[in-house]
């Protein structure tokens, strides 16, 4: 039996099977003469079943073996003596050193083997996480820098492109104070939609990433107890940096407003 996370149910691999039943199975067979791996069929007898008491949450199809057999029988059937992976679950009375010594004595004739423990696996995962964290931080820093440049350059360039029009407004009687107020309003309104969109996109990405990790953990039979939390601090920092960028850009624009020479602008000399 196995639990399918995707189909949401418990299924039997071989229904209606009894002890001593003969099954015809297809398996890979290595032909040493030709060096080709072929498929062969053979009959095997059912001598037992895996316990039905599988936890439907943590034991999925990935962890439930289709067939369990002795390694010697497997070698005779397939003509393959290679073993890709061995998993050992330790009891309280067993020590990791004893288990390691047994594995070493069993595979001492092999050219290469690797023994993983929970500690080494966690260390490797932590290294991967550190690398991914650095990548995320660098990507965030680059995107934030681009946002700052866009905000400052966008506000200042927009003012410079429309400088002659602003000079016309001043010549028609608009005060420089009102012009600054209008520029502040237009600058903020033009930047806010981009900031809001960036926050929404980042939240959608984080939610999808969280759901994907949760689904993969369920499929692999790994217990997942984490809850999604909004990155409040990162959002606040992003908004503060964008606000400071807007204020810096507006301070430059205000200085340019004070320096506008109406006559020169209208004569198209500036």
C-alpha atoms as a PDB file:
ATOM      1  CA  UNK A   1       0.000   0.000   0.000  1.00  0.00           C
ATOM      2  CA  UNK A   2       1.084   3.550  -0.541  1.00  0.00           C
ATOM      3  CA  UNK A   3      -0.388   7.004  -0.070  1.00  0.00           C
ATOM      4  CA  UNK A   4      -0.568   9.243  -3.122  1.00  0.00           C
ATOM      5  CA  UNK A   5      -0.348  12.914  -2.183  1.00  0.00           C
ATOM      6  CA  UNK A   6      -1.406  13.990  -5.658  1.00  0.00           C
ATOM      7  CA  UNK A   7      -4.396  11.635  -6.007  1.00  0.00           C
ATOM      8  CA  UNK A   8      -5.289  12.037  -2.305  1.00  0.00           C
ATOM      9  CA  UNK A   9      -5.808   8.411  -1.461  1.00  0.00           C
ATOM     10  CA  UNK A  10      -4.368   5.071  -0.365  1.00  0.00           C
ATOM     11  CA  UNK A  11      -3.742   2.539  -3.112  1.00  0.00           C
ATOM     12  CA  UNK A  12      -2.530  -1.061  -3.311  1.00  0.00           C
ATOM     13  CA  UNK A  13       0.268  -1.885  -5.689  1.00  0.00           C
ATOM     14  CA  UNK A  14      -0.727  -5.556  -6.058  1.00  0.00           C
ATOM     15  CA  UNK A  15      -4.368  -6.074  -5.077  1.00  0.00           C
ATOM     16  CA  UNK A  16      -5.849  -9.480  -4.219  1.00  0.00           C
ATOM     17  CA  UNK A  17      -2.511 -11.217  -3.659  1.00  0.00           C
ATOM     18  CA  UNK A  18      -2.066 -14.078  -1.188  1.00  0.00           C
ATOM     19  CA  UNK A  19       0.856 -15.937   0.311  1.00  0.00           C
ATOM     20  CA  UNK A  20       2.549 -18.456  -2.022  1.00  0.00           C
ATOM     21  CA  UNK A  21       1.044 -16.800  -5.102  1.00  0.00           C
ATOM     22  CA  UNK A  22       3.328 -16.733  -8.125  1.00  0.00           C
ATOM     23  CA  UNK A  23       3.908 -13.377  -9.800  1.00  0.00           C
ATOM     24  CA  UNK A  24       5.499 -12.699 -13.157  1.00  0.00           C
ATOM     25  CA  UNK A  25       7.732  -9.650 -12.883  1.00  0.00           C
ATOM     26  CA  UNK A  26       9.771  -7.747 -15.453  1.00  0.00           C
ATOM     27  CA  UNK A  27      13.210  -6.552 -14.407  1.00  0.00           C
ATOM     28  CA  UNK A  28      16.461  -5.293 -15.857  1.00  0.00           C
ATOM     29  CA  UNK A  29      19.060  -7.941 -16.673  1.00  0.00           C
ATOM     30  CA  UNK A  30      22.688  -7.225 -17.503  1.00  0.00           C
ATOM     31  CA  UNK A  31      24.066  -9.358 -20.322  1.00  0.00           C
ATOM     32  CA  UNK A  32      27.804  -9.555 -19.621  1.00  0.00           C
ATOM     33  CA  UNK A  33      28.593 -10.978 -23.069  1.00  0.00           C
ATOM     34  CA  UNK A  34      27.034  -8.123 -25.027  1.00  0.00           C
ATOM     35  CA  UNK A  35      27.322  -5.486 -22.296  1.00  0.00           C
ATOM     36  CA  UNK A  36      23.678  -4.531 -22.809  1.00  0.00           C
ATOM     37  CA  UNK A  37      21.011  -4.134 -20.141  1.00  0.00           C
ATOM     38  CA  UNK A  38      17.854  -5.944 -21.229  1.00  0.00           C
ATOM     39  CA  UNK A  39      14.458  -6.604 -19.730  1.00  0.00           C
ATOM     40  CA  UNK A  40      13.605 -10.141 -18.674  1.00  0.00           C
ATOM     41  CA  UNK A  41      10.596 -11.771 -17.073  1.00  0.00           C
ATOM     42  CA  UNK A  42      10.671 -14.257 -14.248  1.00  0.00           C
ATOM     43  CA  UNK A  43       8.300 -15.835 -11.774  1.00  0.00           C
ATOM     44  CA  UNK A  44       8.630 -15.139  -8.057  1.00  0.00           C
ATOM     45  CA  UNK A  45       6.664 -16.479  -5.116  1.00  0.00           C
ATOM     46  CA  UNK A  46       4.995 -14.247  -2.535  1.00  0.00           C
ATOM     47  CA  UNK A  47       6.371 -15.120   0.909  1.00  0.00           C
ATOM     48  CA  UNK A  48       5.172 -12.079   2.834  1.00  0.00           C
ATOM     49  CA  UNK A  49       3.750  -8.579   2.706  1.00  0.00           C
ATOM     50  CA  UNK A  50       4.790  -5.162   3.907  1.00  0.00           C
ATOM     51  CA  UNK A  51       2.816  -4.056   6.932  1.00  0.00           C
ATOM     52  CA  UNK A  52      -0.385  -2.151   6.193  1.00  0.00           C
ATOM     53  CA  UNK A  53       0.322   0.213   9.074  1.00  0.00           C
ATOM     54  CA  UNK A  54       1.982   2.859   6.952  1.00  0.00           C
ATOM     55  CA  UNK A  55       1.513   6.429   8.098  1.00  0.00           C
ATOM     56  CA  UNK A  56      -0.488   7.983   5.214  1.00  0.00           C
ATOM     57  CA  UNK A  57       1.166  11.345   5.746  1.00  0.00           C
ATOM     58  CA  UNK A  58       4.859  10.495   5.999  1.00  0.00           C
ATOM     59  CA  UNK A  59       5.063   7.280   3.941  1.00  0.00           C
ATOM     60  CA  UNK A  60       4.393   7.889   0.287  1.00  0.00           C
ATOM     61  CA  UNK A  61       5.004   5.844  -2.834  1.00  0.00           C
ATOM     62  CA  UNK A  62       8.574   7.145  -2.868  1.00  0.00           C
ATOM     63  CA  UNK A  63       9.387   5.337   0.384  1.00  0.00           C
ATOM     64  CA  UNK A  64       7.386   2.131  -0.058  1.00  0.00           C
ATOM     65  CA  UNK A  65       9.317  -0.569  -1.971  1.00  0.00           C
ATOM     66  CA  UNK A  66       7.505  -2.509  -4.680  1.00  0.00           C
ATOM     67  CA  UNK A  67       9.254  -5.793  -3.886  1.00  0.00           C
ATOM     68  CA  UNK A  68      11.676  -6.837  -1.153  1.00  0.00           C
ATOM     69  CA  UNK A  69      14.131  -9.645  -1.889  1.00  0.00           C
ATOM     70  CA  UNK A  70      17.513 -10.940  -0.754  1.00  0.00           C
ATOM     71  CA  UNK A  71      20.480  -9.300  -2.425  1.00  0.00           C
ATOM     72  CA  UNK A  72      21.807 -12.713  -3.494  1.00  0.00           C
ATOM     73  CA  UNK A  73      18.525 -13.512  -5.263  1.00  0.00           C
ATOM     74  CA  UNK A  74      18.564 -10.081  -6.857  1.00  0.00           C
ATOM     75  CA  UNK A  75      22.076 -10.698  -8.214  1.00  0.00           C
ATOM     76  CA  UNK A  76      21.048 -14.084  -9.622  1.00  0.00           C
ATOM     77  CA  UNK A  77      18.011 -12.604 -11.332  1.00  0.00           C
ATOM     78  CA  UNK A  78      19.554  -9.453 -12.750  1.00  0.00           C
ATOM     79  CA  UNK A  79      23.244 -10.407 -13.016  1.00  0.00           C
ATOM     80  CA  UNK A  80      23.924  -7.016 -11.426  1.00  0.00           C
ATOM     81  CA  UNK A  81      25.942  -6.800  -8.227  1.00  0.00           C
ATOM     82  CA  UNK A  82      25.914  -3.018  -7.898  1.00  0.00           C
ATOM     83  CA  UNK A  83      24.060  -1.415  -5.003  1.00  0.00           C
ATOM     84  CA  UNK A  84      23.154   2.236  -5.390  1.00  0.00           C
ATOM     85  CA  UNK A  85      22.013   3.066  -1.893  1.00  0.00           C
ATOM     86  CA  UNK A  86      21.541   1.527   1.544  1.00  0.00           C
ATOM     87  CA  UNK A  87      19.448   3.152   4.269  1.00  0.00           C
ATOM     88  CA  UNK A  88      19.914   2.116   7.887  1.00  0.00           C
ATOM     89  CA  UNK A  89      17.611   3.074  10.749  1.00  0.00           C
ATOM     90  CA  UNK A  90      19.411   2.870  14.085  1.00  0.00           C
ATOM     91  CA  UNK A  91      17.891   1.459  17.264  1.00  0.00           C
ATOM     92  CA  UNK A  92      18.756   2.791  20.703  1.00  0.00           C
ATOM     93  CA  UNK A  93      21.097  -0.147  21.369  1.00  0.00           C
ATOM     94  CA  UNK A  94      23.034   0.296  18.154  1.00  0.00           C
ATOM     95  CA  UNK A  95      25.863   2.747  17.754  1.00  0.00           C
ATOM     96  CA  UNK A  96      26.670   4.582  14.574  1.00  0.00           C
ATOM     97  CA  UNK A  97      30.273   3.397  14.755  1.00  0.00           C
ATOM     98  CA  UNK A  98      29.264  -0.282  14.825  1.00  0.00           C
ATOM     99  CA  UNK A  99      26.936   0.163  11.865  1.00  0.00           C
ATOM    100  CA  UNK A 100      29.620   2.039   9.967  1.00  0.00           C
ATOM    101  CA  UNK A 101      32.165  -0.732  10.627  1.00  0.00           C
ATOM    102  CA  UNK A 102      29.722  -3.361   9.362  1.00  0.00           C
ATOM    103  CA  UNK A 103      29.111  -1.424   6.166  1.00  0.00           C
ATOM    104  CA  UNK A 104      32.829  -0.863   5.698  1.00  0.00           C
ATOM    105  CA  UNK A 105      33.620  -4.561   6.119  1.00  0.00           C
ATOM    106  CA  UNK A 106      30.828  -5.467   3.690  1.00  0.00           C
ATOM    107  CA  UNK A 107      31.955  -3.082   0.941  1.00  0.00           C
ATOM    108  CA  UNK A 108      35.695  -2.911   1.587  1.00  0.00           C
ATOM    109  CA  UNK A 109      36.358  -4.535  -1.785  1.00  0.00           C
ATOM    110  CA  UNK A 110      34.485  -1.815  -3.660  1.00  0.00           C
ATOM    111  CA  UNK A 111      36.410   0.954  -5.363  1.00  0.00           C
ATOM    112  CA  UNK A 112      34.250   3.701  -3.921  1.00  0.00           C
ATOM    113  CA  UNK A 113      31.498   4.076  -1.373  1.00  0.00           C
ATOM    114  CA  UNK A 114      30.134   6.909   0.697  1.00  0.00           C
ATOM    115  CA  UNK A 115      28.513   6.750   4.115  1.00  0.00           C
ATOM    116  CA  UNK A 116      26.018   9.475   4.976  1.00  0.00           C
ATOM    117  CA  UNK A 117      24.650  10.146   8.432  1.00  0.00           C
ATOM    118  CA  UNK A 118      21.927  12.509   9.522  1.00  0.00           C
ATOM    119  CA  UNK A 119      24.606  14.942  10.672  1.00  0.00           C
ATOM    120  CA  UNK A 120      26.426  14.984   7.326  1.00  0.00           C
ATOM    121  CA  UNK A 121      23.146  15.334   5.432  1.00  0.00           C
ATOM    122  CA  UNK A 122      22.112  18.306   7.570  1.00  0.00           C
ATOM    123  CA  UNK A 123      25.535  19.881   7.131  1.00  0.00           C
ATOM    124  CA  UNK A 124      25.267  19.509   3.362  1.00  0.00           C
ATOM    125  CA  UNK A 125      21.756  20.963   3.347  1.00  0.00           C
ATOM    126  CA  UNK A 126      22.960  23.885   5.462  1.00  0.00           C
ATOM    127  CA  UNK A 127      25.729  24.565   2.936  1.00  0.00           C
ATOM    128  CA  UNK A 128      23.197  24.574   0.111  1.00  0.00           C
ATOM    129  CA  UNK A 129      20.967  26.904   2.108  1.00  0.00           C
ATOM    130  CA  UNK A 130      23.841  29.328   2.731  1.00  0.00           C
ATOM    131  CA  UNK A 131      24.662  29.396  -0.983  1.00  0.00           C
ATOM    132  CA  UNK A 132      21.019  29.986  -1.896  1.00  0.00           C
ATOM    133  CA  UNK A 133      20.755  32.683   0.764  1.00  0.00           C
ATOM    134  CA  UNK A 134      23.754  34.506  -0.708  1.00  0.00           C
ATOM    135  CA  UNK A 135      22.217  34.249  -4.195  1.00  0.00           C
ATOM    136  CA  UNK A 136      18.897  35.633  -2.938  1.00  0.00           C
ATOM    137  CA  UNK A 137      20.592  38.489  -1.084  1.00  0.00           C
ATOM    138  CA  UNK A 138      22.718  39.433  -4.103  1.00  0.00           C
ATOM    139  CA  UNK A 139      19.669  39.310  -6.400  1.00  0.00           C
ATOM    140  CA  UNK A 140      17.670  41.442  -3.952  1.00  0.00           C
ATOM    141  CA  UNK A 141      20.502  43.975  -3.699  1.00  0.00           C
ATOM    142  CA  UNK A 142      20.772  44.253  -7.493  1.00  0.00           C
ATOM    143  CA  UNK A 143      17.000  44.675  -7.929  1.00  0.00           C
ATOM    144  CA  UNK A 144      16.867  47.231  -5.113  1.00  0.00           C
ATOM    145  CA  UNK A 145      19.715  49.210  -6.697  1.00  0.00           C
ATOM    146  CA  UNK A 146      17.865  49.199 -10.016  1.00  0.00           C
ATOM    147  CA  UNK A 147      14.723  50.457  -8.255  1.00  0.00           C
ATOM    148  CA  UNK A 148      16.643  53.323  -6.633  1.00  0.00           C
ATOM    149  CA  UNK A 149      18.235  54.335  -9.946  1.00  0.00           C
ATOM    150  CA  UNK A 150      14.858  54.145 -11.711  1.00  0.00           C
ATOM    151  CA  UNK A 151      13.152  56.318  -9.112  1.00  0.00           C
ATOM    152  CA  UNK A 152      15.820  59.026  -8.952  1.00  0.00           C
ATOM    153  CA  UNK A 153      16.615  59.074 -12.666  1.00  0.00           C
ATOM    154  CA  UNK A 154      12.937  58.881 -13.646  1.00  0.00           C
ATOM    155  CA  UNK A 155      11.856  61.897 -11.600  1.00  0.00           C
ATOM    156  CA  UNK A 156      14.857  64.042 -12.573  1.00  0.00           C
ATOM    157  CA  UNK A 157      14.753  63.139 -16.279  1.00  0.00           C
ATOM    158  CA  UNK A 158      11.005  63.764 -16.449  1.00  0.00           C
ATOM    159  CA  UNK A 159      11.558  67.241 -15.014  1.00  0.00           C
ATOM    160  CA  UNK A 160      14.390  68.034 -17.451  1.00  0.00           C
ATOM    161  CA  UNK A 161      12.348  66.881 -20.452  1.00  0.00           C
ATOM    162  CA  UNK A 162       9.424  69.119 -19.451  1.00  0.00           C
ATOM    163  CA  UNK A 163      11.482  72.039 -18.167  1.00  0.00           C
ATOM    164  CA  UNK A 164      10.349  74.407 -20.936  1.00  0.00           C
ATOM    165  CA  UNK A 165       6.705  73.595 -20.203  1.00  0.00           C
ATOM    166  CA  UNK A 166       7.232  74.335 -16.505  1.00  0.00           C
ATOM    167  CA  UNK A 167       8.850  77.653 -17.459  1.00  0.00           C
ATOM    168  CA  UNK A 168       5.723  78.447 -19.482  1.00  0.00           C
ATOM    169  CA  UNK A 169       3.554  77.757 -16.408  1.00  0.00           C
ATOM    170  CA  UNK A 170       5.720  80.096 -14.342  1.00  0.00           C
ATOM    171  CA  UNK A 171       5.436  82.791 -17.014  1.00  0.00           C
ATOM    172  CA  UNK A 172       1.645  82.484 -16.890  1.00  0.00           C
ATOM    173  CA  UNK A 173       1.600  83.230 -13.184  1.00  0.00           C
ATOM    174  CA  UNK A 174       2.066  79.883 -11.396  1.00  0.00           C
ATOM    175  CA  UNK A 175       4.210  80.281  -8.320  1.00  0.00           C
ATOM    176  CA  UNK A 176       7.317  78.181  -7.874  1.00  0.00           C
ATOM    177  CA  UNK A 177       5.822  76.819  -4.662  1.00  0.00           C
ATOM    178  CA  UNK A 178       2.746  75.512  -6.484  1.00  0.00           C
ATOM    179  CA  UNK A 179       4.980  74.071  -9.208  1.00  0.00           C
ATOM    180  CA  UNK A 180       6.980  72.187  -6.579  1.00  0.00           C
ATOM    181  CA  UNK A 181       3.761  70.872  -5.058  1.00  0.00           C
ATOM    182  CA  UNK A 182       2.570  69.682  -8.462  1.00  0.00           C
ATOM    183  CA  UNK A 183       5.911  67.994  -9.197  1.00  0.00           C
ATOM    184  CA  UNK A 184       5.860  66.284  -5.807  1.00  0.00           C
ATOM    185  CA  UNK A 185       2.360  64.963  -6.390  1.00  0.00           C
ATOM    186  CA  UNK A 186       3.115  63.754  -9.925  1.00  0.00           C
ATOM    187  CA  UNK A 187       6.389  62.142  -8.854  1.00  0.00           C
ATOM    188  CA  UNK A 188       4.821  60.226  -5.989  1.00  0.00           C
ATOM    189  CA  UNK A 189       1.816  59.115  -8.050  1.00  0.00           C
ATOM    190  CA  UNK A 190       4.073  57.881 -10.845  1.00  0.00           C
ATOM    191  CA  UNK A 191       6.298  55.855  -8.486  1.00  0.00           C
ATOM    192  CA  UNK A 192       3.743  54.339  -6.076  1.00  0.00           C
ATOM    193  CA  UNK A 193       2.134  51.923  -8.613  1.00  0.00           C
ATOM    194  CA  UNK A 194       5.568  50.439  -9.386  1.00  0.00           C
ATOM    195  CA  UNK A 195       6.342  49.993  -5.681  1.00  0.00           C
ATOM    196  CA  UNK A 196       2.971  48.345  -5.016  1.00  0.00           C
ATOM    197  CA  UNK A 197       3.372  46.074  -8.047  1.00  0.00           C
ATOM    198  CA  UNK A 198       6.868  45.031  -6.917  1.00  0.00           C
ATOM    199  CA  UNK A 199       5.545  44.128  -3.447  1.00  0.00           C
ATOM    200  CA  UNK A 200       2.619  42.141  -4.906  1.00  0.00           C
ATOM    201  CA  UNK A 201       4.869  40.224  -7.318  1.00  0.00           C
ATOM    202  CA  UNK A 202       7.341  39.373  -4.535  1.00  0.00           C
ATOM    203  CA  UNK A 203       4.506  38.148  -2.289  1.00  0.00           C
ATOM    204  CA  UNK A 204       3.058  35.986  -5.076  1.00  0.00           C
ATOM    205  CA  UNK A 205       6.520  34.515  -5.715  1.00  0.00           C
ATOM    206  CA  UNK A 206       7.034  33.749  -2.010  1.00  0.00           C
ATOM    207  CA  UNK A 207       3.586  32.142  -1.689  1.00  0.00           C
ATOM    208  CA  UNK A 208       4.187  29.944  -4.761  1.00  0.00           C
ATOM    209  CA  UNK A 209       7.629  28.970  -3.472  1.00  0.00           C
ATOM    210  CA  UNK A 210       6.180  28.078  -0.045  1.00  0.00           C
ATOM    211  CA  UNK A 211       3.388  25.965  -1.562  1.00  0.00           C
ATOM    212  CA  UNK A 212       5.857  24.209  -3.869  1.00  0.00           C
ATOM    213  CA  UNK A 213       8.165  23.325  -0.976  1.00  0.00           C
ATOM    214  CA  UNK A 214       5.177  22.098   1.047  1.00  0.00           C
ATOM    215  CA  UNK A 215       3.935  19.918  -1.830  1.00  0.00           C
ATOM    216  CA  UNK A 216       7.383  18.431  -2.490  1.00  0.00           C
ATOM    217  CA  UNK A 217       7.811  17.688   1.212  1.00  0.00           C
ATOM    218  CA  UNK A 218       4.463  15.889   1.231  1.00  0.00           C
ATOM    219  CA  UNK A 219       5.319  13.875  -1.870  1.00  0.00           C
ATOM    220  CA  UNK A 220       8.669  12.871  -0.371  1.00  0.00           C
ATOM    221  CA  UNK A 221       7.020  11.956   2.927  1.00  0.00           C
ATOM    222  CA  UNK A 222       8.791  14.689   4.904  1.00  0.00           C
ATOM    223  CA  UNK A 223       6.830  16.246   7.745  1.00  0.00           C
ATOM    224  CA  UNK A 224       6.334  19.961   7.064  1.00  0.00           C
ATOM    225  CA  UNK A 225       5.246  22.098  10.012  1.00  0.00           C
ATOM    226  CA  UNK A 226       6.248  25.539   8.755  1.00  0.00           C
ATOM    227  CA  UNK A 227       3.665  28.302   8.358  1.00  0.00           C
ATOM    228  CA  UNK A 228       3.818  31.034   5.747  1.00  0.00           C
ATOM    229  CA  UNK A 229       4.753  34.404   7.201  1.00  0.00           C
ATOM    230  CA  UNK A 230       4.771  37.736   5.426  1.00  0.00           C
ATOM    231  CA  UNK A 231       8.215  39.368   5.132  1.00  0.00           C
ATOM    232  CA  UNK A 232       7.100  42.477   7.019  1.00  0.00           C
ATOM    233  CA  UNK A 233      10.603  43.751   7.771  1.00  0.00           C
ATOM    234  CA  UNK A 234      11.792  43.424   4.175  1.00  0.00           C
ATOM    235  CA  UNK A 235       8.689  45.213   2.866  1.00  0.00           C
ATOM    236  CA  UNK A 236       9.094  48.073   5.365  1.00  0.00           C
ATOM    237  CA  UNK A 237      12.794  48.459   4.481  1.00  0.00           C
ATOM    238  CA  UNK A 238      11.954  48.465   0.760  1.00  0.00           C
ATOM    239  CA  UNK A 239       9.289  51.154   1.237  1.00  0.00           C
ATOM    240  CA  UNK A 240      11.634  53.296   3.372  1.00  0.00           C
ATOM    241  CA  UNK A 241      14.445  53.096   0.804  1.00  0.00           C
ATOM    242  CA  UNK A 242      12.049  53.992  -2.019  1.00  0.00           C
ATOM    243  CA  UNK A 243      10.685  56.909   0.031  1.00  0.00           C
ATOM    244  CA  UNK A 244      14.204  58.218   0.695  1.00  0.00           C
ATOM    245  CA  UNK A 245      14.992  57.893  -3.019  1.00  0.00           C
ATOM    246  CA  UNK A 246      11.884  59.917  -3.906  1.00  0.00           C
ATOM    247  CA  UNK A 247      12.820  62.634  -1.396  1.00  0.00           C
ATOM    248  CA  UNK A 248      16.376  62.832  -2.767  1.00  0.00           C
ATOM    249  CA  UNK A 249      15.103  63.109  -6.339  1.00  0.00           C
ATOM    250  CA  UNK A 250      12.564  65.777  -5.363  1.00  0.00           C
ATOM    251  CA  UNK A 251      15.238  67.792  -3.537  1.00  0.00           C
ATOM    252  CA  UNK A 252      17.235  67.929  -6.785  1.00  0.00           C
ATOM    253  CA  UNK A 253      14.100  68.879  -8.731  1.00  0.00           C
ATOM    254  CA  UNK A 254      13.228  71.629  -6.220  1.00  0.00           C
ATOM    255  CA  UNK A 255      16.691  73.133  -6.655  1.00  0.00           C
ATOM    256  CA  UNK A 256      16.251  73.058 -10.432  1.00  0.00           C
ATOM    257  CA  UNK A 257      12.853  74.770 -10.089  1.00  0.00           C
ATOM    258  CA  UNK A 258      14.491  77.590  -8.141  1.00  0.00           C
ATOM    259  CA  UNK A 259      17.141  77.900 -10.863  1.00  0.00           C
ATOM    260  CA  UNK A 260      14.691  78.053 -13.803  1.00  0.00           C
ATOM    261  CA  UNK A 261      15.311  81.100 -15.975  1.00  0.00           C
ATOM    262  CA  UNK A 262      11.946  81.745 -17.605  1.00  0.00           C
ATOM    263  CA  UNK A 263      13.251  83.878 -20.476  1.00  0.00           C
ATOM    264  CA  UNK A 264      16.035  81.461 -21.428  1.00  0.00           C
ATOM    265  CA  UNK A 265      13.696  78.456 -21.289  1.00  0.00           C
ATOM    266  CA  UNK A 266      11.081  80.163 -23.467  1.00  0.00           C
ATOM    267  CA  UNK A 267      13.774  81.108 -25.964  1.00  0.00           C
ATOM    268  CA  UNK A 268      14.645  77.377 -26.025  1.00  0.00           C
ATOM    269  CA  UNK A 269      18.214  78.037 -24.942  1.00  0.00           C
ATOM    270  CA  UNK A 270      17.973  75.679 -21.964  1.00  0.00           C
END
